Amino acid sequence: MPPAVPAEILLPPRTQIGPIGWLRANLFSTWYNVLITLLILWLLATVIPPMARWMIFDATWATTHEPCARAREAAQAIGVRPGACWAVIPANFRLFMVGTYPVGQAHRIGAALALVVLLGTLTAFRRFRGRALVAAWVLSFPAILVLLHGFQGSAILPLVETTKWSGLTLTFLLAIVAIVASFPLGVLLALGRRSSLPVVRLLSTVYIETVRGVPLITILFMSSVMFPLLMPGGLRVDKVVRAMLALILFSAAYLAENVRGGLQAIPQGQYDAARALGLGNALTMGLIILPQALRAVIPPIVGQFIGLFKDTSLVAVIGLLDLFAIGQSILSNPNWLGLRTEVYIFVALVYWVFSYSMSMASRRLERRLGVGVR
């Protein structure tokens, strides 16, 4: 019997595969997609070239203000707009990072950062995870605060007042303390709002709705102005601590609603199965319901933490010099007048890098826990 002749394989048209097919399917599939694509291309062609000239090709790359002054004078002489002056960043980089923290004690900030990096590295390896590592993370926060603050009269860790804490260091401290402390408080408020005890449910609801009904800047003003007036005479709470408390209380109210949404998403069958196993209310909530609820609301929780990290810039209104406020103070230097755009671009880039890093970590955690899969 003669061998079978293979049938001729017909490939799809070239307009349906490869780069041409992708362009046709995604950018030119309909007439309105064609219009949108052409409009975007026109905007990019209009915006990107002058932006690239200002940011890169005509920019002054230096570490002092003198080259920038000469470049501005040369541009004004020929009647063109001067390029960006990126010298403001390296010349003030230390100020951006640690602010007014004493120069001779800046190594303490480096030690605190090294501790966080070490714990983060250990957390990345599964074999090091356990109760000891969790305890190390919990103890690291007060240890870092003591390391940065020091003690009165100490030769090893001299006292550094919190008024000297500023720049990106202060932004990190405010964000980390607020995130870590608001999480358990928010969970307790969410459980309290779903409690069967009327008093607990009422108090939790009133607190959540009251805090969510006012902007963060109002709570910051109250912590800075009203709170000291209510304290007994002779008792003084540091301004940085008051700002941390304001951020914690504000974030906990929003976190409580996110957690409550996760609790409502758990089907009644999970409660019934736990009761069938003989578990009490506390064990049912702690071992069965709450872990599933928290896993389901990882995206909104991380989104709230990212927003909280950026909201730390509002502490500038109560006199704290965070990263954004340090940028504004640099602009008051006569050597850097008129460089508002460069400074704000750098500050925005710093916020974006850390916010995007938190988002990436959230996605990795979601994939590992199977959020939305099982």
Protein backbone atom coordinates (compact mmCIF):
# COMPACT_ATOMS: atom_id res chain seq x y z
CA MET A 1 0.00 0.00 0.00
CA PRO A 2 1.58 3.36 -1.02
CA PRO A 3 2.33 5.77 1.85
CA ALA A 4 -0.24 8.43 2.53
CA VAL A 5 0.62 11.84 1.12
CA PRO A 6 0.36 14.47 3.90
CA ALA A 7 -2.23 17.09 3.27
CA GLU A 8 -1.00 20.58 2.57
CA ILE A 9 -0.96 22.73 5.69
CA LEU A 10 -2.49 26.14 5.06
CA LEU A 11 -1.19 28.88 7.34
CA PRO A 12 -3.36 31.80 8.42
CA PRO A 13 -3.05 34.99 6.40
CA ARG A 14 -0.09 37.19 7.32
CA THR A 15 -2.49 39.86 8.51
CA GLN A 16 -3.65 37.56 11.31
CA ILE A 17 -0.31 36.37 12.75
CA GLY A 18 2.94 37.96 13.86
CA PRO A 19 3.42 41.68 14.54
CA ILE A 20 0.98 42.71 11.82
CA GLY A 21 -1.70 40.48 13.23
CA TRP A 22 -1.13 41.79 16.74
CA LEU A 23 -1.36 45.41 15.57
CA ARG A 24 -4.53 44.72 13.63
CA ALA A 25 -6.17 42.84 16.52
CA ASN A 26 -5.21 45.27 19.30
CA LEU A 27 -4.79 48.72 17.73
CA PHE A 28 -6.67 48.80 14.42
CA SER A 29 -9.53 46.35 14.91
CA THR A 30 -12.33 48.92 14.58
CA TRP A 31 -12.66 52.45 13.26
CA TYR A 32 -12.75 54.01 16.74
CA ASN A 33 -9.68 52.00 17.79
CA VAL A 34 -7.92 53.42 14.73
CA LEU A 35 -8.85 56.96 15.79
CA ILE A 36 -7.72 56.37 19.37
CA THR A 37 -4.42 54.86 18.22
CA LEU A 38 -3.71 57.75 15.85
CA LEU A 39 -4.62 60.29 18.57
CA ILE A 40 -2.26 58.64 21.06
CA LEU A 41 0.54 58.51 18.49
CA TRP A 42 0.04 62.20 17.74
CA LEU A 43 0.14 63.08 21.45
CA LEU A 44 3.30 61.04 21.95
CA ALA A 45 4.97 62.68 18.96
CA THR A 46 3.99 66.10 20.28
CA VAL A 47 4.92 65.62 23.94
CA ILE A 48 7.89 63.24 24.05
CA PRO A 49 10.46 65.10 21.86
CA PRO A 50 10.35 68.42 23.79
CA MET A 51 10.22 66.56 27.08
CA ALA A 52 13.25 64.47 26.10
CA ARG A 53 15.15 67.59 25.06
CA TRP A 54 14.41 69.31 28.36
CA MET A 55 15.07 66.28 30.58
CA ILE A 56 18.05 64.69 28.78
CA PHE A 57 19.65 66.39 25.80
CA ASP A 58 19.56 70.04 26.96
CA ALA A 59 19.82 69.20 30.67
CA THR A 60 22.76 70.12 32.86
CA TRP A 61 24.31 67.12 34.58
CA ALA A 62 26.49 68.33 37.41
CA THR A 63 26.84 68.23 41.19
CA THR A 64 27.00 71.96 41.92
CA HIS A 65 24.85 74.94 41.01
CA GLU A 66 27.48 76.89 39.01
CA PRO A 67 27.10 74.92 35.72
CA CYS A 68 23.33 75.34 35.96
CA ALA A 69 23.64 79.10 36.38
CA ARG A 70 25.91 79.33 33.34
CA ALA A 71 23.53 77.16 31.29
CA ARG A 72 20.58 79.37 32.23
CA GLU A 73 22.46 82.50 31.28
CA ALA A 74 23.48 81.01 27.93
CA ALA A 75 19.89 79.95 27.19
CA GLN A 76 18.52 83.38 28.07
CA ALA A 77 21.12 85.03 25.84
CA ILE A 78 19.81 83.22 22.76
CA GLY A 79 16.16 83.35 23.85
CA VAL A 80 15.48 79.64 24.41
CA ARG A 81 14.22 77.71 27.39
CA PRO A 82 17.04 76.20 29.48
CA GLY A 83 17.14 72.48 30.03
CA ALA A 84 16.67 70.74 33.35
CA CYS A 85 19.24 71.23 36.08
CA TRP A 86 19.68 67.85 37.73
CA ALA A 87 22.50 69.12 39.94
CA VAL A 88 19.90 69.87 42.59
CA ILE A 89 19.51 66.13 43.24
CA PRO A 90 23.12 64.99 43.93
CA ALA A 91 23.97 68.26 45.68
CA ASN A 92 21.11 67.72 48.16
CA PHE A 93 20.90 63.92 48.12
CA ARG A 94 21.87 63.54 51.77
CA LEU A 95 19.26 66.14 52.72
CA PHE A 96 16.61 64.23 50.76
CA MET A 97 17.50 60.96 52.51
CA VAL A 98 18.13 61.91 56.16
CA GLY A 99 17.13 65.57 56.30
CA THR A 100 18.53 67.45 59.28
CA TYR A 101 19.69 64.35 61.16
CA PRO A 102 23.18 65.10 62.60
CA VAL A 103 25.96 64.31 60.13
CA GLY A 104 28.08 62.55 62.72
CA GLN A 105 25.21 60.21 63.66
CA ALA A 106 23.98 59.30 60.18
CA HIS A 107 25.56 55.84 60.55
CA ARG A 108 22.72 54.98 62.93
CA ILE A 109 20.26 55.34 60.06
CA GLY A 110 22.49 53.05 58.00
CA ALA A 111 22.49 50.49 60.81
CA ALA A 112 18.68 50.61 61.02
CA LEU A 113 18.43 50.13 57.25
CA ALA A 114 20.89 47.23 57.40
CA LEU A 115 18.73 45.56 60.07
CA VAL A 116 15.63 45.84 57.89
CA VAL A 117 17.50 44.51 54.85
CA LEU A 118 18.82 41.57 56.90
CA LEU A 119 15.37 40.63 58.17
CA GLY A 120 13.92 41.03 54.68
CA THR A 121 16.59 38.75 53.24
CA LEU A 122 15.93 36.09 55.86
CA THR A 123 12.20 36.33 55.17
CA ALA A 124 12.82 35.59 51.50
CA PHE A 125 14.15 32.12 52.40
CA ARG A 126 11.50 29.67 53.55
CA ARG A 127 13.80 27.76 55.93
CA PHE A 128 14.31 30.84 58.10
CA ARG A 129 10.62 31.59 58.50
CA GLY A 130 9.13 30.87 61.87
CA ARG A 131 8.18 32.35 65.19
CA ALA A 132 11.71 33.55 65.84
CA LEU A 133 11.71 35.61 62.64
CA VAL A 134 8.27 37.05 63.42
CA ALA A 135 9.48 38.02 66.89
CA ALA A 136 12.58 39.60 65.34
CA TRP A 137 10.40 41.71 63.03
CA VAL A 138 8.20 42.81 65.95
CA LEU A 139 11.19 43.72 68.12
CA SER A 140 12.99 45.47 65.27
CA PHE A 141 10.60 48.43 65.26
CA PRO A 142 11.19 49.57 68.87
CA ALA A 143 14.88 48.76 68.41
CA ILE A 144 15.08 51.06 65.39
CA LEU A 145 13.26 53.85 67.23
CA VAL A 146 15.68 53.55 70.16
CA LEU A 147 18.63 53.44 67.77
CA LEU A 148 17.54 56.63 66.03
CA HIS A 149 16.49 58.48 69.18
CA GLY A 150 19.31 57.51 71.54
CA PHE A 151 19.65 58.47 75.19
CA GLN A 152 20.40 61.65 77.06
CA GLY A 153 24.06 61.75 78.07
CA SER A 154 25.00 58.53 76.22
CA ALA A 155 28.37 58.46 74.49
CA ILE A 156 27.43 55.56 72.19
CA LEU A 157 23.89 56.64 71.25
CA PRO A 158 23.62 60.37 72.01
CA LEU A 159 20.15 61.84 72.04
CA VAL A 160 18.78 63.03 68.70
CA GLU A 161 15.50 64.89 69.09
CA THR A 162 12.69 63.85 66.79
CA THR A 163 12.67 67.40 65.43
CA LYS A 164 15.87 66.34 63.63
CA TRP A 165 14.14 63.34 62.02
CA SER A 166 13.26 64.36 58.50
CA GLY A 167 13.56 63.49 54.83
CA LEU A 168 12.92 60.02 53.49
CA THR A 169 13.85 58.59 56.90
CA LEU A 170 10.86 60.26 58.53
CA THR A 171 8.59 59.23 55.66
CA PHE A 172 9.62 55.60 56.14
CA LEU A 173 9.18 55.71 59.90
CA LEU A 174 5.72 57.23 59.69
CA ALA A 175 4.57 54.80 56.99
CA ILE A 176 6.00 51.64 58.56
CA VAL A 177 4.77 52.38 62.08
CA ALA A 178 1.32 53.33 60.78
CA ILE A 179 1.04 50.22 58.59
CA VAL A 180 2.23 47.78 61.27
CA ALA A 181 0.19 49.26 64.12
CA SER A 182 -3.01 49.94 62.18
CA PHE A 183 -3.32 46.37 60.88
CA PRO A 184 -4.23 44.62 64.17
CA LEU A 185 -6.34 47.61 65.25
CA GLY A 186 -8.25 47.52 61.97
CA VAL A 187 -8.88 43.79 62.30
CA LEU A 188 -10.21 44.28 65.83
CA LEU A 189 -12.50 47.08 64.65
CA ALA A 190 -13.82 44.89 61.82
CA LEU A 191 -14.55 42.07 64.25
CA GLY A 192 -16.09 44.55 66.65
CA ARG A 193 -18.44 45.89 63.98
CA ARG A 194 -19.67 42.33 63.34
CA SER A 195 -19.86 41.48 67.03
CA SER A 196 -23.06 40.17 68.57
CA LEU A 197 -22.57 42.52 71.53
CA PRO A 198 -24.55 45.73 70.81
CA VAL A 199 -22.18 48.02 72.76
CA VAL A 200 -19.07 46.74 71.00
CA ARG A 201 -20.77 46.89 67.61
CA LEU A 202 -22.04 50.43 68.24
CA LEU A 203 -18.70 51.79 69.45
CA SER A 204 -16.83 50.21 66.54
CA THR A 205 -19.33 51.56 64.02
CA VAL A 206 -19.27 55.07 65.47
CA TYR A 207 -15.47 55.17 65.46
CA ILE A 208 -15.15 53.84 61.90
CA GLU A 209 -17.77 56.14 60.42
CA THR A 210 -16.51 59.19 62.33
CA VAL A 211 -12.91 58.76 61.20
CA ARG A 212 -13.89 57.92 57.63
CA GLY A 213 -16.08 61.03 57.54
CA VAL A 214 -13.22 63.51 58.02
CA PRO A 215 -10.06 64.06 55.95
CA LEU A 216 -6.65 62.99 57.23
CA ILE A 217 -5.45 66.56 57.46
CA THR A 218 -8.16 67.25 60.07
CA ILE A 219 -6.94 64.40 62.27
CA LEU A 220 -3.35 65.59 61.88
CA PHE A 221 -4.35 69.10 62.98
CA MET A 222 -6.24 67.70 65.97
CA SER A 223 -3.23 65.59 66.99
CA SER A 224 -0.93 68.58 66.66
CA VAL A 225 -3.11 71.35 68.15
CA MET A 226 -6.02 69.92 70.13
CA PHE A 227 -4.43 66.83 71.65
CA PRO A 228 -1.74 68.74 73.65
CA LEU A 229 -4.49 70.97 75.12
CA LEU A 230 -6.32 67.93 76.49
CA MET A 231 -3.24 66.43 78.14
CA PRO A 232 -2.64 67.05 81.86
CA GLY A 233 -0.08 69.67 82.75
CA GLY A 234 3.53 68.58 82.53
CA LEU A 235 2.78 65.67 80.18
CA ARG A 236 4.15 66.25 76.71
CA VAL A 237 3.81 63.90 73.74
CA ASP A 238 6.30 64.35 70.94
CA LYS A 239 4.98 65.77 67.66
CA VAL A 240 6.29 62.82 65.63
CA VAL A 241 4.54 60.39 67.99
CA ARG A 242 1.31 62.39 67.67
CA ALA A 243 1.58 62.23 63.88
CA MET A 244 2.12 58.45 64.07
CA LEU A 245 -0.97 58.07 66.26
CA ALA A 246 -3.04 60.15 63.84
CA LEU A 247 -1.95 58.01 60.88
CA ILE A 248 -2.59 54.80 62.82
CA LEU A 249 -6.10 55.80 63.89
CA PHE A 250 -6.98 57.05 60.40
CA SER A 251 -5.66 53.97 58.60
CA ALA A 252 -7.28 51.53 61.04
CA ALA A 253 -10.78 52.81 60.23
CA TYR A 254 -10.35 52.23 56.49
CA LEU A 255 -8.61 48.91 57.05
CA ALA A 256 -11.52 47.76 59.20
CA GLU A 257 -13.92 48.21 56.29
CA ASN A 258 -11.63 46.26 53.96
CA VAL A 259 -11.44 43.40 56.44
CA ARG A 260 -15.19 43.52 57.01
CA GLY A 261 -15.70 43.09 53.28
CA GLY A 262 -13.50 40.00 53.38
CA LEU A 263 -15.47 38.59 56.32
CA GLN A 264 -18.74 39.08 54.46
CA ALA A 265 -17.33 37.21 51.47
CA ILE A 266 -16.88 33.98 53.47
CA PRO A 267 -19.86 31.67 52.88
CA GLN A 268 -21.98 30.49 55.80
CA GLY A 269 -20.87 26.91 55.12
CA GLN A 270 -17.44 27.69 56.53
CA TYR A 271 -18.99 28.67 59.87
CA ASP A 272 -21.19 25.57 59.88
CA ALA A 273 -18.24 23.29 59.10
CA ALA A 274 -16.21 24.81 61.94
CA ARG A 275 -19.08 24.30 64.38
CA ALA A 276 -19.46 20.73 63.18
CA LEU A 277 -15.82 20.17 64.14
CA GLY A 278 -16.52 21.46 67.64
CA LEU A 279 -14.67 24.74 67.30
CA GLY A 280 -15.77 27.70 69.40
CA ASN A 281 -16.32 31.20 68.13
CA ALA A 282 -12.77 32.34 68.84
CA LEU A 283 -11.13 29.33 67.16
CA THR A 284 -13.56 29.51 64.25
CA MET A 285 -12.70 33.12 63.60
CA GLY A 286 -8.96 32.78 64.24
CA LEU A 287 -8.30 29.53 62.38
CA ILE A 288 -10.99 29.32 59.69
CA ILE A 289 -12.71 32.60 58.84
CA LEU A 290 -10.16 35.36 59.38
CA PRO A 291 -7.30 33.77 57.36
CA GLN A 292 -9.61 33.34 54.36
CA ALA A 293 -11.00 36.85 54.72
CA LEU A 294 -7.55 38.44 54.88
CA ARG A 295 -6.37 36.47 51.88
CA ALA A 296 -9.37 37.63 49.86
CA VAL A 297 -8.74 41.33 50.59
CA ILE A 298 -4.98 41.48 50.04
CA PRO A 299 -5.33 43.81 46.99
CA PRO A 300 -7.41 46.52 48.75
CA ILE A 301 -5.31 46.29 51.90
CA VAL A 302 -2.07 46.78 49.99
CA GLY A 303 -3.70 49.56 47.97
CA GLN A 304 -4.57 51.29 51.23
CA PHE A 305 -1.00 50.87 52.51
CA ILE A 306 0.33 52.42 49.31
CA GLY A 307 -2.04 55.34 49.77
CA LEU A 308 -0.94 55.67 53.40
CA PHE A 309 2.71 55.79 52.34
CA LYS A 310 1.93 58.69 50.03
CA ASP A 311 -0.34 60.39 52.57
CA THR A 312 2.62 60.83 54.91
CA SER A 313 3.43 63.93 52.84
CA LEU A 314 0.54 65.67 54.65
CA VAL A 315 2.56 65.85 57.87
CA ALA A 316 4.25 68.90 56.35
CA VAL A 317 1.19 70.94 57.35
CA ILE A 318 1.98 70.36 61.06
CA GLY A 319 5.63 71.29 60.72
CA LEU A 320 7.31 67.91 60.10
CA LEU A 321 9.92 67.78 57.36
CA ASP A 322 9.19 64.63 55.43
CA LEU A 323 10.57 63.96 51.95
CA PHE A 324 8.14 66.33 50.26
CA ALA A 325 8.70 69.12 52.80
CA ILE A 326 12.48 68.73 52.47
CA GLY A 327 12.10 69.20 48.71
CA GLN A 328 10.17 72.41 49.31
CA SER A 329 12.80 73.66 51.75
CA ILE A 330 15.54 73.04 49.19
CA LEU A 331 13.70 75.28 46.74
CA SER A 332 14.03 78.18 49.19
CA ASN A 333 17.80 78.08 48.73
CA PRO A 334 18.82 80.91 46.35
CA ASN A 335 21.11 78.52 44.46
CA TRP A 336 18.16 76.32 43.49
CA LEU A 337 15.44 78.86 42.78
CA GLY A 338 13.24 77.96 39.83
CA LEU A 339 14.02 74.24 39.96
CA ARG A 340 10.62 73.21 41.30
CA THR A 341 9.96 70.81 38.42
CA GLU A 342 13.23 68.90 38.87
CA VAL A 343 12.73 68.52 42.62
CA TYR A 344 9.11 67.39 42.28
CA ILE A 345 10.02 64.89 39.57
CA PHE A 346 12.64 63.34 41.86
CA VAL A 347 10.25 63.21 44.83
CA ALA A 348 7.52 61.68 42.66
CA LEU A 349 9.99 59.10 41.34
CA VAL A 350 10.94 58.09 44.89
CA TYR A 351 7.28 57.66 45.85
CA TRP A 352 6.61 55.69 42.66
CA VAL A 353 9.55 53.30 43.18
CA PHE A 354 8.48 52.30 46.67
CA SER A 355 4.76 52.22 45.85
CA TYR A 356 5.40 50.00 42.83
CA SER A 357 7.64 47.76 44.95
CA MET A 358 4.78 47.29 47.41
CA SER A 359 2.46 46.49 44.53
CA MET A 360 4.88 43.90 43.14
CA ALA A 361 5.25 42.28 46.56
CA SER A 362 1.46 42.16 46.83
CA ARG A 363 1.13 40.39 43.48
CA ARG A 364 3.77 37.83 44.49
CA LEU A 365 1.90 37.18 47.73
CA GLU A 366 -1.38 36.81 45.85
CA ARG A 367 0.13 34.26 43.45
CA ARG A 368 1.65 32.29 46.32
CA LEU A 369 -1.63 32.23 48.27
CA GLY A 370 -3.73 31.59 45.17
CA VAL A 371 -5.96 34.65 45.54
CA GLY A 372 -8.79 34.40 43.01
CA VAL A 373 -7.78 30.83 42.06
CA ARG A 374 -8.97 28.63 44.86
